């Protein structure tokens, strides 16, 4: 019996793949930032960690969403800007406009239900997201326009979702 030497990925293909897929999100957000907005029926559900490095939220939103937040970019967003790997957008919460800023690296899920396109990422959560600060970590996650998250148990359309799993690129 011979031992197979372990293979070391000096190229770090898992990270390269994640960065390339985040580039897809970046390009989609750049298209959404144009004055004419999103084409056709496209709209995005973007989930990101609220305590990740580089995230800036108003304090009331950080208290309401201590772990992550899902925002919807469809009709009621303004001033969407993509600058390098950073995103800035103004959304209304209870009729009050608020600016959210986050890096692409904080995104854990990107979903365009109009074409069943989903990208999911494993993002390491900062320790302070798990602290016991008296904030209800089990608060329901709703987006800025109070639209519920898509039902993950709903049957996929006949064309099937275009899901890209990063598991095949992870180190074993």
C-alpha atoms as a PDB file:
ATOM      1  CA  UNK A   1       0.000   0.000   0.000  1.00  0.00           C
ATOM      2  CA  UNK A   2       1.388   3.380  -0.988  1.00  0.00           C
ATOM      3  CA  UNK A   3       0.604   6.659   0.660  1.00  0.00           C
ATOM      4  CA  UNK A   4      -0.593   9.383  -1.662  1.00  0.00           C
ATOM      5  CA  UNK A   5       1.146  12.645  -0.874  1.00  0.00           C
ATOM      6  CA  UNK A   6      -1.245  15.426   0.084  1.00  0.00           C
ATOM      7  CA  UNK A   7      -1.706  18.042  -2.577  1.00  0.00           C
ATOM      8  CA  UNK A   8      -1.118  21.633  -1.610  1.00  0.00           C
ATOM      9  CA  UNK A   9      -2.970  24.260  -3.584  1.00  0.00           C
ATOM     10  CA  UNK A  10      -0.358  26.995  -3.805  1.00  0.00           C
ATOM     11  CA  UNK A  11      -2.604  28.888  -6.229  1.00  0.00           C
ATOM     12  CA  UNK A  12      -5.465  29.068  -3.677  1.00  0.00           C
ATOM     13  CA  UNK A  13      -8.087  28.347  -6.315  1.00  0.00           C
ATOM     14  CA  UNK A  14     -10.918  28.561  -3.774  1.00  0.00           C
ATOM     15  CA  UNK A  15     -10.104  32.215  -3.093  1.00  0.00           C
ATOM     16  CA  UNK A  16      -9.552  32.963  -6.770  1.00  0.00           C
ATOM     17  CA  UNK A  17     -12.953  31.448  -7.562  1.00  0.00           C
ATOM     18  CA  UNK A  18     -14.717  33.410  -4.816  1.00  0.00           C
ATOM     19  CA  UNK A  19     -13.111  36.627  -6.025  1.00  0.00           C
ATOM     20  CA  UNK A  20     -14.192  35.922  -9.609  1.00  0.00           C
ATOM     21  CA  UNK A  21     -17.777  35.230  -8.507  1.00  0.00           C
ATOM     22  CA  UNK A  22     -17.813  38.426  -6.464  1.00  0.00           C
ATOM     23  CA  UNK A  23     -16.803  40.117  -9.724  1.00  0.00           C
ATOM     24  CA  UNK A  24     -20.073  38.825 -11.216  1.00  0.00           C
ATOM     25  CA  UNK A  25     -21.974  40.487  -8.358  1.00  0.00           C
ATOM     26  CA  UNK A  26     -19.973  43.678  -8.827  1.00  0.00           C
ATOM     27  CA  UNK A  27     -20.783  43.801 -12.555  1.00  0.00           C
ATOM     28  CA  UNK A  28     -24.497  43.182 -11.881  1.00  0.00           C
ATOM     29  CA  UNK A  29     -24.564  45.976  -9.288  1.00  0.00           C
ATOM     30  CA  UNK A  30     -22.762  48.329 -11.684  1.00  0.00           C
ATOM     31  CA  UNK A  31     -25.500  47.659 -14.273  1.00  0.00           C
ATOM     32  CA  UNK A  32     -28.142  48.329 -11.604  1.00  0.00           C
ATOM     33  CA  UNK A  33     -26.453  51.638 -10.759  1.00  0.00           C
ATOM     34  CA  UNK A  34     -27.013  53.091 -14.235  1.00  0.00           C
ATOM     35  CA  UNK A  35     -29.684  55.817 -14.464  1.00  0.00           C
ATOM     36  CA  UNK A  36     -32.134  53.488 -16.237  1.00  0.00           C
ATOM     37  CA  UNK A  37     -31.846  50.994 -13.363  1.00  0.00           C
ATOM     38  CA  UNK A  38     -32.253  47.262 -13.680  1.00  0.00           C
ATOM     39  CA  UNK A  39     -33.311  45.878 -17.054  1.00  0.00           C
ATOM     40  CA  UNK A  40     -36.439  43.772 -17.454  1.00  0.00           C
ATOM     41  CA  UNK A  41     -37.676  41.951 -14.373  1.00  0.00           C
ATOM     42  CA  UNK A  42     -34.252  41.678 -12.750  1.00  0.00           C
ATOM     43  CA  UNK A  43     -34.029  42.485  -9.066  1.00  0.00           C
ATOM     44  CA  UNK A  44     -31.571  41.468  -6.392  1.00  0.00           C
ATOM     45  CA  UNK A  45     -31.728  40.124  -2.871  1.00  0.00           C
ATOM     46  CA  UNK A  46     -28.359  40.857  -1.304  1.00  0.00           C
ATOM     47  CA  UNK A  47     -27.512  39.453   2.129  1.00  0.00           C
ATOM     48  CA  UNK A  48     -24.419  40.690   3.920  1.00  0.00           C
ATOM     49  CA  UNK A  49     -22.909  40.516   7.397  1.00  0.00           C
ATOM     50  CA  UNK A  50     -23.628  43.721   9.289  1.00  0.00           C
ATOM     51  CA  UNK A  51     -20.526  43.498  11.488  1.00  0.00           C
ATOM     52  CA  UNK A  52     -18.018  42.546   8.823  1.00  0.00           C
ATOM     53  CA  UNK A  53     -15.000  44.761   8.343  1.00  0.00           C
ATOM     54  CA  UNK A  54     -15.816  47.775   6.183  1.00  0.00           C
ATOM     55  CA  UNK A  55     -19.600  47.694   6.738  1.00  0.00           C
ATOM     56  CA  UNK A  56     -21.188  51.017   7.698  1.00  0.00           C
ATOM     57  CA  UNK A  57     -24.824  51.064   8.829  1.00  0.00           C
ATOM     58  CA  UNK A  58     -26.811  53.537  10.909  1.00  0.00           C
ATOM     59  CA  UNK A  59     -26.863  52.458  14.568  1.00  0.00           C
ATOM     60  CA  UNK A  60     -30.588  51.684  14.592  1.00  0.00           C
ATOM     61  CA  UNK A  61     -30.156  49.240  11.705  1.00  0.00           C
ATOM     62  CA  UNK A  62     -27.142  47.620  13.341  1.00  0.00           C
ATOM     63  CA  UNK A  63     -29.219  47.056  16.477  1.00  0.00           C
ATOM     64  CA  UNK A  64     -32.123  45.698  14.449  1.00  0.00           C
ATOM     65  CA  UNK A  65     -29.881  43.455  12.315  1.00  0.00           C
ATOM     66  CA  UNK A  66     -26.989  42.441  14.572  1.00  0.00           C
ATOM     67  CA  UNK A  67     -25.785  39.560  12.380  1.00  0.00           C
ATOM     68  CA  UNK A  68     -26.848  40.103   8.783  1.00  0.00           C
ATOM     69  CA  UNK A  69     -29.363  41.931   6.655  1.00  0.00           C
ATOM     70  CA  UNK A  70     -31.058  41.158   3.364  1.00  0.00           C
ATOM     71  CA  UNK A  71     -31.778  44.130   1.156  1.00  0.00           C
ATOM     72  CA  UNK A  72     -33.810  44.199  -2.033  1.00  0.00           C
ATOM     73  CA  UNK A  73     -32.679  46.243  -4.992  1.00  0.00           C
ATOM     74  CA  UNK A  74     -35.678  46.533  -7.265  1.00  0.00           C
ATOM     75  CA  UNK A  75     -37.664  49.767  -7.460  1.00  0.00           C
ATOM     76  CA  UNK A  76     -37.001  51.672  -4.257  1.00  0.00           C
ATOM     77  CA  UNK A  77     -33.270  52.177  -4.075  1.00  0.00           C
ATOM     78  CA  UNK A  78     -31.292  55.323  -4.763  1.00  0.00           C
ATOM     79  CA  UNK A  79     -27.726  56.405  -5.191  1.00  0.00           C
ATOM     80  CA  UNK A  80     -26.371  52.902  -5.794  1.00  0.00           C
ATOM     81  CA  UNK A  81     -22.627  53.247  -6.260  1.00  0.00           C
ATOM     82  CA  UNK A  82     -19.983  50.608  -6.789  1.00  0.00           C
ATOM     83  CA  UNK A  83     -16.439  51.786  -6.209  1.00  0.00           C
ATOM     84  CA  UNK A  84     -13.875  49.017  -6.507  1.00  0.00           C
ATOM     85  CA  UNK A  85     -14.976  46.365  -4.046  1.00  0.00           C
ATOM     86  CA  UNK A  86     -17.284  48.676  -2.063  1.00  0.00           C
ATOM     87  CA  UNK A  87     -21.026  49.251  -2.469  1.00  0.00           C
ATOM     88  CA  UNK A  88     -23.081  52.186  -1.237  1.00  0.00           C
ATOM     89  CA  UNK A  89     -26.861  52.458  -1.540  1.00  0.00           C
ATOM     90  CA  UNK A  90     -29.673  54.524  -0.059  1.00  0.00           C
ATOM     91  CA  UNK A  91     -32.777  52.585   0.999  1.00  0.00           C
ATOM     92  CA  UNK A  92     -35.866  53.617   2.924  1.00  0.00           C
ATOM     93  CA  UNK A  93     -36.597  51.991   6.277  1.00  0.00           C
ATOM     94  CA  UNK A  94     -39.997  53.000   7.600  1.00  0.00           C
ATOM     95  CA  UNK A  95     -40.041  55.842   5.092  1.00  0.00           C
ATOM     96  CA  UNK A  96     -36.689  57.197   6.299  1.00  0.00           C
ATOM     97  CA  UNK A  97     -33.796  57.096   3.804  1.00  0.00           C
ATOM     98  CA  UNK A  98     -30.619  55.472   5.152  1.00  0.00           C
ATOM     99  CA  UNK A  99     -27.231  54.938   3.543  1.00  0.00           C
ATOM    100  CA  UNK A 100     -25.725  51.455   3.726  1.00  0.00           C
ATOM    101  CA  UNK A 101     -22.100  50.817   2.776  1.00  0.00           C
ATOM    102  CA  UNK A 102     -20.526  47.391   2.558  1.00  0.00           C
ATOM    103  CA  UNK A 103     -17.663  45.626   0.822  1.00  0.00           C
ATOM    104  CA  UNK A 104     -18.364  42.811  -1.615  1.00  0.00           C
ATOM    105  CA  UNK A 105     -16.457  40.539   0.773  1.00  0.00           C
ATOM    106  CA  UNK A 106     -19.276  40.921   3.375  1.00  0.00           C
ATOM    107  CA  UNK A 107     -21.889  39.445   1.006  1.00  0.00           C
ATOM    108  CA  UNK A 108     -23.037  35.957   1.955  1.00  0.00           C
ATOM    109  CA  UNK A 109     -25.817  35.586  -0.625  1.00  0.00           C
ATOM    110  CA  UNK A 110     -26.791  37.189  -3.915  1.00  0.00           C
ATOM    111  CA  UNK A 111     -30.064  36.157  -5.551  1.00  0.00           C
ATOM    112  CA  UNK A 112     -31.824  37.347  -8.704  1.00  0.00           C
ATOM    113  CA  UNK A 113     -35.205  35.560  -8.582  1.00  0.00           C
ATOM    114  CA  UNK A 114     -36.159  36.716 -12.086  1.00  0.00           C
ATOM    115  CA  UNK A 115     -33.686  34.200 -13.539  1.00  0.00           C
ATOM    116  CA  UNK A 116     -33.166  31.949 -10.490  1.00  0.00           C
ATOM    117  CA  UNK A 117     -29.503  32.959 -10.180  1.00  0.00           C
ATOM    118  CA  UNK A 118     -27.947  32.397  -6.752  1.00  0.00           C
ATOM    119  CA  UNK A 119     -24.435  32.817  -5.422  1.00  0.00           C
ATOM    120  CA  UNK A 120     -23.667  31.890  -1.820  1.00  0.00           C
ATOM    121  CA  UNK A 121     -20.443  32.457   0.075  1.00  0.00           C
ATOM    122  CA  UNK A 122     -19.039  31.241   3.361  1.00  0.00           C
ATOM    123  CA  UNK A 123     -17.899  34.408   5.062  1.00  0.00           C
ATOM    124  CA  UNK A 124     -16.224  34.248   8.438  1.00  0.00           C
ATOM    125  CA  UNK A 125     -18.309  36.182  10.930  1.00  0.00           C
ATOM    126  CA  UNK A 126     -16.566  38.699  13.167  1.00  0.00           C
ATOM    127  CA  UNK A 127     -16.590  37.733  16.851  1.00  0.00           C
ATOM    128  CA  UNK A 128     -18.594  40.787  17.912  1.00  0.00           C
ATOM    129  CA  UNK A 129     -21.524  39.521  15.813  1.00  0.00           C
ATOM    130  CA  UNK A 130     -21.912  36.754  18.403  1.00  0.00           C
ATOM    131  CA  UNK A 131     -21.616  38.892  21.529  1.00  0.00           C
ATOM    132  CA  UNK A 132     -24.411  39.138  24.049  1.00  0.00           C
ATOM    133  CA  UNK A 133     -25.150  42.847  23.828  1.00  0.00           C
ATOM    134  CA  UNK A 134     -28.805  42.523  24.700  1.00  0.00           C
ATOM    135  CA  UNK A 135     -29.818  42.676  21.055  1.00  0.00           C
ATOM    136  CA  UNK A 136     -32.172  39.961  19.913  1.00  0.00           C
ATOM    137  CA  UNK A 137     -30.027  37.930  17.517  1.00  0.00           C
ATOM    138  CA  UNK A 138     -33.111  35.985  16.488  1.00  0.00           C
ATOM    139  CA  UNK A 139     -34.934  39.064  15.200  1.00  0.00           C
ATOM    140  CA  UNK A 140     -36.654  38.345  11.903  1.00  0.00           C
ATOM    141  CA  UNK A 141     -34.583  39.356   8.909  1.00  0.00           C
ATOM    142  CA  UNK A 142     -36.523  41.622   6.597  1.00  0.00           C
ATOM    143  CA  UNK A 143     -35.330  43.921   3.900  1.00  0.00           C
ATOM    144  CA  UNK A 144     -35.805  47.615   3.489  1.00  0.00           C
ATOM    145  CA  UNK A 145     -39.136  47.351   1.706  1.00  0.00           C
ATOM    146  CA  UNK A 146     -40.489  44.636   4.021  1.00  0.00           C
ATOM    147  CA  UNK A 147     -40.476  42.016   1.267  1.00  0.00           C
ATOM    148  CA  UNK A 148     -40.058  38.483   2.654  1.00  0.00           C
ATOM    149  CA  UNK A 149     -37.020  36.431   1.701  1.00  0.00           C
ATOM    150  CA  UNK A 150     -37.677  33.935  -1.078  1.00  0.00           C
ATOM    151  CA  UNK A 151     -38.810  30.554   0.200  1.00  0.00           C
ATOM    152  CA  UNK A 152     -35.768  28.246   0.006  1.00  0.00           C
ATOM    153  CA  UNK A 153     -38.088  25.200   0.091  1.00  0.00           C
ATOM    154  CA  UNK A 154     -40.145  26.340  -2.900  1.00  0.00           C
ATOM    155  CA  UNK A 155     -39.826  24.099  -5.946  1.00  0.00           C
ATOM    156  CA  UNK A 156     -37.458  25.350  -8.607  1.00  0.00           C
ATOM    157  CA  UNK A 157     -38.871  26.346 -11.978  1.00  0.00           C
ATOM    158  CA  UNK A 158     -38.594  23.953 -14.881  1.00  0.00           C
ATOM    159  CA  UNK A 159     -35.412  25.573 -16.144  1.00  0.00           C
ATOM    160  CA  UNK A 160     -33.747  24.927 -12.788  1.00  0.00           C
ATOM    161  CA  UNK A 161     -31.827  27.408 -10.722  1.00  0.00           C
ATOM    162  CA  UNK A 162     -28.363  28.429 -11.793  1.00  0.00           C
ATOM    163  CA  UNK A 163     -26.620  27.747  -8.478  1.00  0.00           C
ATOM    164  CA  UNK A 164     -22.868  27.847  -8.228  1.00  0.00           C
ATOM    165  CA  UNK A 165     -21.581  25.832  -5.284  1.00  0.00           C
ATOM    166  CA  UNK A 166     -18.110  26.614  -4.077  1.00  0.00           C
ATOM    167  CA  UNK A 167     -17.786  23.270  -2.241  1.00  0.00           C
ATOM    168  CA  UNK A 168     -16.045  21.650  -5.192  1.00  0.00           C
ATOM    169  CA  UNK A 169     -13.268  24.237  -4.946  1.00  0.00           C
ATOM    170  CA  UNK A 170     -12.701  23.982  -1.195  1.00  0.00           C
ATOM    171  CA  UNK A 171      -9.709  22.251   0.349  1.00  0.00           C
ATOM    172  CA  UNK A 172     -10.592  18.817   1.648  1.00  0.00           C
END
